[in-house]
Amino acid sequence: MKQKKDLVVLTVAVDLEGSIPVQKFVAKYGYSFYVLIDSKSKVIDRYRVERIPTTFLIDKQGRIVGKAVGQGIGKVLKRYPFLIG
């Protein structure tokens, strides 16, 4: 997937067992985006996530400009084609 320079993909992993299972999962599938470990669900609570996966599009000013519930990043980017080159 070709990305624009100012697009950053960050995923939040909610795994109560910590970072090791997440690191193994990321390595297994060869993901190259940033992964935040949220084992205490602080991010989930702050953004009021009710279902996983939930994808947010956040602009440079920190505003949520898009949200998709129950869809992975690939489907979200198809809904917002201006984000990819």
Protein backbone atom coordinates (compact mmCIF):
# COMPACT_ATOMS: atom_id res chain seq x y z
CA MET A 1 0.00 0.00 0.00
CA LYS A 2 1.45 3.37 -1.00
CA GLN A 3 0.96 6.06 1.63
CA LYS A 4 1.24 9.82 1.49
CA LYS A 5 4.13 11.28 3.46
CA ASP A 6 1.90 12.90 6.07
CA LEU A 7 -0.14 9.79 6.80
CA VAL A 8 0.87 7.87 9.91
CA VAL A 9 -0.73 4.56 10.80
CA LEU A 10 -0.83 3.78 14.50
CA THR A 11 -2.60 0.80 15.94
CA VAL A 12 -3.52 0.33 19.57
CA ALA A 13 -3.25 -3.21 20.86
CA VAL A 14 -5.34 -4.15 23.87
CA ASP A 15 -3.68 -7.22 25.28
CA LEU A 16 -3.84 -7.84 29.00
CA GLU A 17 -0.82 -10.16 28.72
CA GLY A 18 1.48 -7.27 27.74
CA SER A 19 3.71 -6.63 24.78
CA ILE A 20 5.18 -10.08 24.04
CA PRO A 21 2.05 -11.57 22.36
CA VAL A 22 1.58 -8.35 20.40
CA GLN A 23 5.20 -8.32 19.24
CA LYS A 24 4.88 -11.92 18.05
CA PHE A 25 1.65 -11.10 16.17
CA VAL A 26 3.18 -8.04 14.48
CA ALA A 27 6.30 -10.01 13.49
CA LYS A 28 4.24 -12.94 12.19
CA TYR A 29 2.27 -10.72 9.80
CA GLY A 30 5.12 -8.35 8.96
CA TYR A 31 3.32 -5.15 9.94
CA SER A 32 5.40 -2.01 9.56
CA PHE A 33 3.19 0.54 11.32
CA TYR A 34 3.44 1.80 14.87
CA VAL A 35 1.85 -0.29 17.64
CA LEU A 36 0.89 1.16 21.02
CA ILE A 37 0.34 -1.37 23.80
CA ASP A 38 -2.70 -0.32 25.84
CA SER A 39 -2.78 -3.07 28.48
CA LYS A 40 -4.60 -0.80 30.95
CA SER A 41 -7.23 0.32 28.35
CA LYS A 42 -6.51 4.03 28.84
CA VAL A 43 -6.69 4.81 25.11
CA ILE A 44 -9.78 2.66 24.66
CA ASP A 45 -11.52 4.52 27.48
CA ARG A 46 -10.45 7.97 26.31
CA TYR A 47 -11.72 7.43 22.76
CA ARG A 48 -14.79 5.51 23.93
CA VAL A 49 -14.08 2.44 21.84
CA GLU A 50 -16.97 0.00 22.09
CA ARG A 51 -15.94 -2.57 19.47
CA ILE A 52 -12.63 -3.82 18.18
CA PRO A 53 -11.38 -3.02 15.66
CA THR A 54 -12.26 0.66 15.68
CA THR A 55 -10.27 2.90 13.38
CA PHE A 56 -9.93 6.65 13.82
CA LEU A 57 -8.55 9.12 11.31
CA ILE A 58 -6.95 11.99 13.19
CA ASP A 59 -5.69 15.11 11.41
CA LYS A 60 -2.50 17.04 12.18
CA GLN A 61 -4.38 19.23 14.66
CA GLY A 62 -5.47 16.15 16.63
CA ARG A 63 -9.10 16.25 15.49
CA ILE A 64 -10.96 13.05 14.66
CA VAL A 65 -11.95 13.40 10.99
CA GLY A 66 -13.15 9.85 10.37
CA LYS A 67 -14.11 6.73 12.25
CA ALA A 68 -14.91 3.17 11.25
CA VAL A 69 -16.14 0.52 13.65
CA GLY A 70 -15.53 -3.14 12.91
CA GLN A 71 -13.29 -2.55 9.91
CA GLY A 72 -9.55 -2.92 9.49
CA ILE A 73 -7.31 -0.21 8.14
CA GLY A 74 -7.49 -1.52 4.56
CA LYS A 75 -11.24 -1.02 4.37
CA VAL A 76 -11.00 2.36 6.05
CA LEU A 77 -8.45 3.60 3.52
CA LYS A 78 -10.77 2.49 0.72
CA ARG A 79 -13.49 4.66 2.26
CA TYR A 80 -11.08 7.62 2.38
CA PRO A 81 -9.12 7.26 -0.89
CA PHE A 82 -7.61 10.76 -0.61
CA LEU A 83 -5.31 9.41 2.11
CA ILE A 84 -3.36 7.10 -0.18
CA GLY A 85 -1.43 7.95 -3.30
